Amino acid sequence: MEANNGIVVQMEIDLETNPFVSIFYPQVIGELTLFQGQQFETLEEVYDFYNQYAREVGFSVRSYSSKKSKDGEVIRKEYVCNKEGSWSTETSGVVKRRRGVGRES
């Protein structure tokens, strides 16, 4: 068996620690079918696949987090629905306006 140095996608959902999670599996055709252990050659292929899959079922994805090794190689990358969570002010550039102190009596 040949070694594959591609990217392996792992889907992890722990139903024991979060029993209120409901899983929806949309019906998609052919090459867009997801399966555990799916392999890709590059992170760009992963993003393109998941974004194409997401659009097919009605949403899109964005990069959520990643982790690099000491060598600078990406060892973990997470994608989420583009509506997931909220952006921090550091990454979005949106800063709340601070109001001055009002009149004191």
N, C-alpha and C. Protein backbone atom coordinates (compact mmCIF):
# COMPACT_ATOMS: atom_id res chain seq x y z
N MET A 1 0.84 -1.19 0.00
CA MET A 1 0.00 0.00 0.00
C MET A 1 0.88 1.24 0.00
N GLU A 2 0.62 2.18 -0.88
CA GLU A 2 1.40 3.40 -0.99
C GLU A 2 1.05 4.37 0.12
N ALA A 3 2.07 5.05 0.61
CA ALA A 3 1.82 6.10 1.61
C ALA A 3 1.27 7.32 0.90
N ASN A 4 0.27 7.92 1.48
CA ASN A 4 -0.31 9.12 0.90
C ASN A 4 0.00 10.28 1.82
N ASN A 5 0.69 11.28 1.31
CA ASN A 5 1.04 12.44 2.11
C ASN A 5 0.00 13.54 2.00
N GLY A 6 -1.20 13.20 1.56
CA GLY A 6 -2.27 14.18 1.40
C GLY A 6 -2.84 14.60 2.74
N ILE A 7 -3.86 15.39 2.70
CA ILE A 7 -4.52 15.91 3.89
C ILE A 7 -5.71 15.02 4.18
N VAL A 8 -5.82 14.55 5.41
CA VAL A 8 -6.92 13.70 5.82
C VAL A 8 -7.90 14.54 6.62
N VAL A 9 -9.16 14.49 6.25
CA VAL A 9 -10.19 15.25 6.93
C VAL A 9 -10.83 14.39 7.99
N GLN A 10 -10.86 14.90 9.21
CA GLN A 10 -11.51 14.18 10.30
C GLN A 10 -12.71 14.98 10.76
N MET A 11 -13.83 14.31 10.90
CA MET A 11 -15.03 14.97 11.39
C MET A 11 -15.28 14.45 12.80
N GLU A 12 -15.20 15.34 13.79
CA GLU A 12 -15.36 14.92 15.17
C GLU A 12 -16.56 15.59 15.80
N ILE A 13 -17.47 14.78 16.30
CA ILE A 13 -18.60 15.29 17.07
C ILE A 13 -18.76 14.34 18.25
N ASP A 14 -18.65 14.88 19.46
CA ASP A 14 -18.77 14.07 20.66
C ASP A 14 -20.17 14.22 21.21
N LEU A 15 -21.03 13.27 20.91
CA LEU A 15 -22.42 13.35 21.33
C LEU A 15 -22.58 13.08 22.82
N GLU A 16 -21.58 12.44 23.46
CA GLU A 16 -21.68 12.18 24.90
C GLU A 16 -21.51 13.46 25.70
N THR A 17 -20.58 14.34 25.29
CA THR A 17 -20.36 15.58 26.03
C THR A 17 -21.35 16.66 25.62
N ASN A 18 -21.97 16.53 24.47
CA ASN A 18 -22.95 17.51 24.02
C ASN A 18 -24.15 16.77 23.43
N PRO A 19 -25.03 16.25 24.31
CA PRO A 19 -26.14 15.43 23.81
C PRO A 19 -27.21 16.22 23.07
N PHE A 20 -27.13 17.57 23.09
CA PHE A 20 -28.15 18.38 22.44
C PHE A 20 -27.81 18.73 20.99
N VAL A 21 -26.72 18.17 20.50
CA VAL A 21 -26.32 18.41 19.12
C VAL A 21 -27.18 17.54 18.21
N SER A 22 -27.78 18.17 17.22
CA SER A 22 -28.49 17.39 16.22
C SER A 22 -27.69 17.50 14.92
N ILE A 23 -27.57 16.41 14.23
CA ILE A 23 -26.76 16.37 13.03
C ILE A 23 -27.68 16.29 11.82
N PHE A 24 -27.46 17.18 10.88
CA PHE A 24 -28.21 17.21 9.64
C PHE A 24 -27.30 16.80 8.51
N TYR A 25 -27.67 15.78 7.78
CA TYR A 25 -26.88 15.31 6.64
C TYR A 25 -27.64 15.64 5.36
N PRO A 26 -27.27 16.73 4.69
CA PRO A 26 -27.95 17.09 3.45
C PRO A 26 -27.70 16.06 2.35
N GLN A 27 -28.65 15.93 1.47
CA GLN A 27 -28.52 15.00 0.35
C GLN A 27 -27.80 15.71 -0.79
N VAL A 28 -26.60 15.24 -1.12
CA VAL A 28 -25.83 15.80 -2.23
C VAL A 28 -25.47 14.66 -3.18
N ILE A 29 -25.06 15.04 -4.37
CA ILE A 29 -24.80 14.03 -5.39
C ILE A 29 -23.30 13.80 -5.60
N GLY A 30 -22.97 12.60 -6.01
CA GLY A 30 -21.65 12.21 -6.49
C GLY A 30 -20.45 12.69 -5.71
N GLU A 31 -19.61 13.48 -6.38
CA GLU A 31 -18.31 13.86 -5.84
C GLU A 31 -18.39 14.79 -4.64
N LEU A 32 -19.57 15.31 -4.32
CA LEU A 32 -19.72 16.19 -3.16
C LEU A 32 -20.10 15.44 -1.88
N THR A 33 -20.20 14.13 -1.95
CA THR A 33 -20.54 13.35 -0.77
C THR A 33 -19.38 13.34 0.20
N LEU A 34 -19.65 13.70 1.46
CA LEU A 34 -18.62 13.72 2.50
C LEU A 34 -18.44 12.34 3.12
N PHE A 35 -17.24 11.99 3.50
CA PHE A 35 -17.00 10.77 4.26
C PHE A 35 -15.78 10.96 5.14
N GLN A 36 -15.78 10.28 6.29
CA GLN A 36 -14.67 10.40 7.22
C GLN A 36 -13.41 9.80 6.61
N GLY A 37 -12.28 10.49 6.80
CA GLY A 37 -11.02 10.03 6.23
C GLY A 37 -10.79 10.51 4.81
N GLN A 38 -11.65 11.38 4.32
CA GLN A 38 -11.51 11.93 2.97
C GLN A 38 -10.15 12.62 2.84
N GLN A 39 -9.45 12.44 1.72
CA GLN A 39 -8.11 12.98 1.56
C GLN A 39 -8.02 13.98 0.42
N PHE A 40 -7.19 15.01 0.65
CA PHE A 40 -6.96 16.06 -0.33
C PHE A 40 -5.46 16.30 -0.42
N GLU A 41 -5.00 16.84 -1.51
CA GLU A 41 -3.58 17.11 -1.69
C GLU A 41 -3.14 18.43 -1.06
N THR A 42 -4.00 19.44 -1.10
CA THR A 42 -3.63 20.76 -0.58
C THR A 42 -4.77 21.34 0.26
N LEU A 43 -4.44 22.35 1.08
CA LEU A 43 -5.47 23.04 1.86
C LEU A 43 -6.42 23.80 0.96
N GLU A 44 -5.93 24.27 -0.17
CA GLU A 44 -6.79 24.96 -1.13
C GLU A 44 -7.86 24.01 -1.67
N GLU A 45 -7.49 22.75 -1.92
CA GLU A 45 -8.46 21.75 -2.38
C GLU A 45 -9.52 21.50 -1.31
N VAL A 46 -9.10 21.47 -0.05
CA VAL A 46 -10.03 21.26 1.06
C VAL A 46 -11.05 22.40 1.09
N TYR A 47 -10.55 23.63 1.06
CA TYR A 47 -11.43 24.80 1.10
C TYR A 47 -12.39 24.80 -0.09
N ASP A 48 -11.86 24.57 -1.28
CA ASP A 48 -12.70 24.57 -2.49
C ASP A 48 -13.78 23.51 -2.40
N PHE A 49 -13.42 22.30 -1.93
CA PHE A 49 -14.39 21.21 -1.81
C PHE A 49 -15.50 21.58 -0.83
N TYR A 50 -15.10 22.01 0.37
CA TYR A 50 -16.11 22.32 1.38
C TYR A 50 -16.96 23.52 1.00
N ASN A 51 -16.39 24.49 0.33
CA ASN A 51 -17.18 25.64 -0.10
C ASN A 51 -18.16 25.22 -1.19
N GLN A 52 -17.74 24.37 -2.11
CA GLN A 52 -18.64 23.88 -3.15
C GLN A 52 -19.76 23.04 -2.52
N TYR A 53 -19.39 22.18 -1.58
CA TYR A 53 -20.38 21.37 -0.86
C TYR A 53 -21.37 22.28 -0.13
N ALA A 54 -20.84 23.26 0.59
CA ALA A 54 -21.68 24.16 1.37
C ALA A 54 -22.65 24.92 0.48
N ARG A 55 -22.18 25.42 -0.64
CA ARG A 55 -23.06 26.16 -1.55
C ARG A 55 -24.16 25.26 -2.11
N GLU A 56 -23.82 24.01 -2.35
CA GLU A 56 -24.81 23.05 -2.86
C GLU A 56 -25.95 22.87 -1.86
N VAL A 57 -25.63 22.92 -0.57
CA VAL A 57 -26.66 22.69 0.45
C VAL A 57 -27.17 23.99 1.09
N GLY A 58 -26.66 25.16 0.64
CA GLY A 58 -27.28 26.41 1.05
C GLY A 58 -26.50 27.35 1.96
N PHE A 59 -25.20 27.20 2.08
CA PHE A 59 -24.42 28.15 2.87
C PHE A 59 -23.02 28.22 2.30
N SER A 60 -22.09 28.91 2.95
CA SER A 60 -20.70 28.89 2.52
C SER A 60 -19.81 28.77 3.76
N VAL A 61 -18.54 28.55 3.56
CA VAL A 61 -17.63 28.32 4.67
C VAL A 61 -16.57 29.41 4.74
N ARG A 62 -15.95 29.49 5.91
CA ARG A 62 -14.81 30.38 6.09
C ARG A 62 -13.82 29.67 7.01
N SER A 63 -12.58 30.11 6.95
CA SER A 63 -11.54 29.56 7.81
C SER A 63 -11.82 30.03 9.23
N TYR A 64 -11.74 29.12 10.19
CA TYR A 64 -12.05 29.45 11.58
C TYR A 64 -10.78 29.52 12.42
N SER A 65 -9.99 28.47 12.38
CA SER A 65 -8.74 28.49 13.13
C SER A 65 -7.75 27.52 12.48
N SER A 66 -6.50 27.68 12.86
CA SER A 66 -5.47 26.79 12.36
C SER A 66 -4.34 26.74 13.36
N LYS A 67 -3.51 25.74 13.22
CA LYS A 67 -2.35 25.58 14.10
C LYS A 67 -1.18 25.18 13.23
N LYS A 68 -0.03 25.79 13.50
CA LYS A 68 1.17 25.48 12.74
C LYS A 68 2.19 24.79 13.64
N SER A 69 3.02 23.96 13.02
CA SER A 69 4.11 23.32 13.74
C SER A 69 5.23 24.33 13.93
N LYS A 70 6.25 23.94 14.66
CA LYS A 70 7.39 24.82 14.87
C LYS A 70 8.08 25.16 13.55
N ASP A 71 7.94 24.28 12.56
CA ASP A 71 8.53 24.50 11.23
C ASP A 71 7.68 25.44 10.38
N GLY A 72 6.51 25.82 10.86
CA GLY A 72 5.63 26.71 10.09
C GLY A 72 4.64 25.97 9.20
N GLU A 73 4.62 24.63 9.27
CA GLU A 73 3.70 23.83 8.47
C GLU A 73 2.34 23.78 9.17
N VAL A 74 1.26 23.97 8.41
CA VAL A 74 -0.08 23.91 8.98
C VAL A 74 -0.37 22.46 9.35
N ILE A 75 -0.68 22.22 10.64
CA ILE A 75 -0.98 20.86 11.08
C ILE A 75 -2.46 20.67 11.43
N ARG A 76 -3.19 21.78 11.55
CA ARG A 76 -4.63 21.71 11.78
C ARG A 76 -5.28 22.96 11.20
N LYS A 77 -6.40 22.76 10.54
CA LYS A 77 -7.14 23.88 9.96
C LYS A 77 -8.62 23.56 10.10
N GLU A 78 -9.39 24.51 10.61
CA GLU A 78 -10.82 24.30 10.80
C GLU A 78 -11.60 25.28 9.94
N TYR A 79 -12.68 24.78 9.34
CA TYR A 79 -13.59 25.60 8.56
C TYR A 79 -14.95 25.52 9.21
N VAL A 80 -15.68 26.62 9.21
CA VAL A 80 -17.02 26.66 9.78
C VAL A 80 -17.95 27.37 8.81
N CYS A 81 -19.24 27.29 9.08
CA CYS A 81 -20.23 28.04 8.33
C CYS A 81 -19.88 29.52 8.43
N ASN A 82 -20.07 30.26 7.35
CA ASN A 82 -19.69 31.67 7.36
C ASN A 82 -20.50 32.49 8.37
N LYS A 83 -21.58 31.96 8.90
CA LYS A 83 -22.39 32.67 9.90
C LYS A 83 -22.02 32.26 11.33
N GLU A 84 -21.11 31.32 11.49
CA GLU A 84 -20.70 30.81 12.79
C GLU A 84 -20.03 31.88 13.63
N GLY A 85 -20.45 32.01 14.90
CA GLY A 85 -19.78 32.89 15.85
C GLY A 85 -19.73 34.34 15.42
N SER A 86 -18.75 35.02 15.96
CA SER A 86 -18.56 36.42 15.61
C SER A 86 -17.08 36.71 15.50
N TRP A 87 -16.74 37.71 14.73
CA TRP A 87 -15.35 38.10 14.55
C TRP A 87 -14.89 38.90 15.75
N SER A 88 -13.64 38.73 16.12
CA SER A 88 -13.09 39.57 17.18
C SER A 88 -12.73 40.92 16.58
N THR A 89 -12.57 41.94 17.42
CA THR A 89 -12.22 43.27 16.90
C THR A 89 -10.82 43.26 16.31
N GLU A 90 -9.95 42.34 16.78
CA GLU A 90 -8.59 42.26 16.24
C GLU A 90 -8.61 41.88 14.76
N THR A 91 -9.43 40.90 14.39
CA THR A 91 -9.42 40.43 13.01
C THR A 91 -10.36 41.20 12.11
N SER A 92 -11.44 41.75 12.67
CA SER A 92 -12.41 42.43 11.81
C SER A 92 -12.08 43.90 11.60
N GLY A 93 -11.31 44.48 12.52
CA GLY A 93 -10.98 45.89 12.40
C GLY A 93 -12.07 46.81 12.90
N VAL A 94 -13.20 46.22 13.34
CA VAL A 94 -14.31 47.03 13.86
C VAL A 94 -14.05 47.32 15.33
N VAL A 95 -14.04 48.59 15.66
CA VAL A 95 -13.79 48.99 17.05
C VAL A 95 -15.01 49.75 17.54
N LYS A 96 -15.50 49.37 18.72
CA LYS A 96 -16.64 50.07 19.29
C LYS A 96 -16.23 51.48 19.69
N ARG A 97 -17.10 52.42 19.42
CA ARG A 97 -16.83 53.81 19.78
C ARG A 97 -16.97 53.98 21.29
N ARG A 98 -15.97 54.58 21.89
CA ARG A 98 -16.04 54.86 23.33
C ARG A 98 -16.63 56.24 23.52
N ARG A 99 -17.60 56.30 24.34
CA ARG A 99 -18.26 57.58 24.60
C ARG A 99 -17.60 58.25 25.79
N GLY A 100 -17.57 59.54 25.74
CA GLY A 100 -16.97 60.31 26.83
C GLY A 100 -17.85 60.26 28.07
N VAL A 101 -17.30 60.70 29.17
CA VAL A 101 -18.05 60.74 30.42
C VAL A 101 -19.10 61.84 30.30
N GLY A 102 -20.32 61.52 30.73
CA GLY A 102 -21.40 62.49 30.67
C GLY A 102 -21.26 63.57 31.73
N ARG A 103 -22.14 64.52 31.69
CA ARG A 103 -22.14 65.60 32.67
C ARG A 103 -22.39 65.07 34.06
N GLU A 104 -21.66 65.59 34.99
CA GLU A 104 -21.89 65.19 36.38
C GLU A 104 -22.59 66.32 37.10
N SER A 105 -23.49 66.00 38.03
CA SER A 105 -24.21 67.04 38.76
C SER A 105 -23.44 67.51 39.95
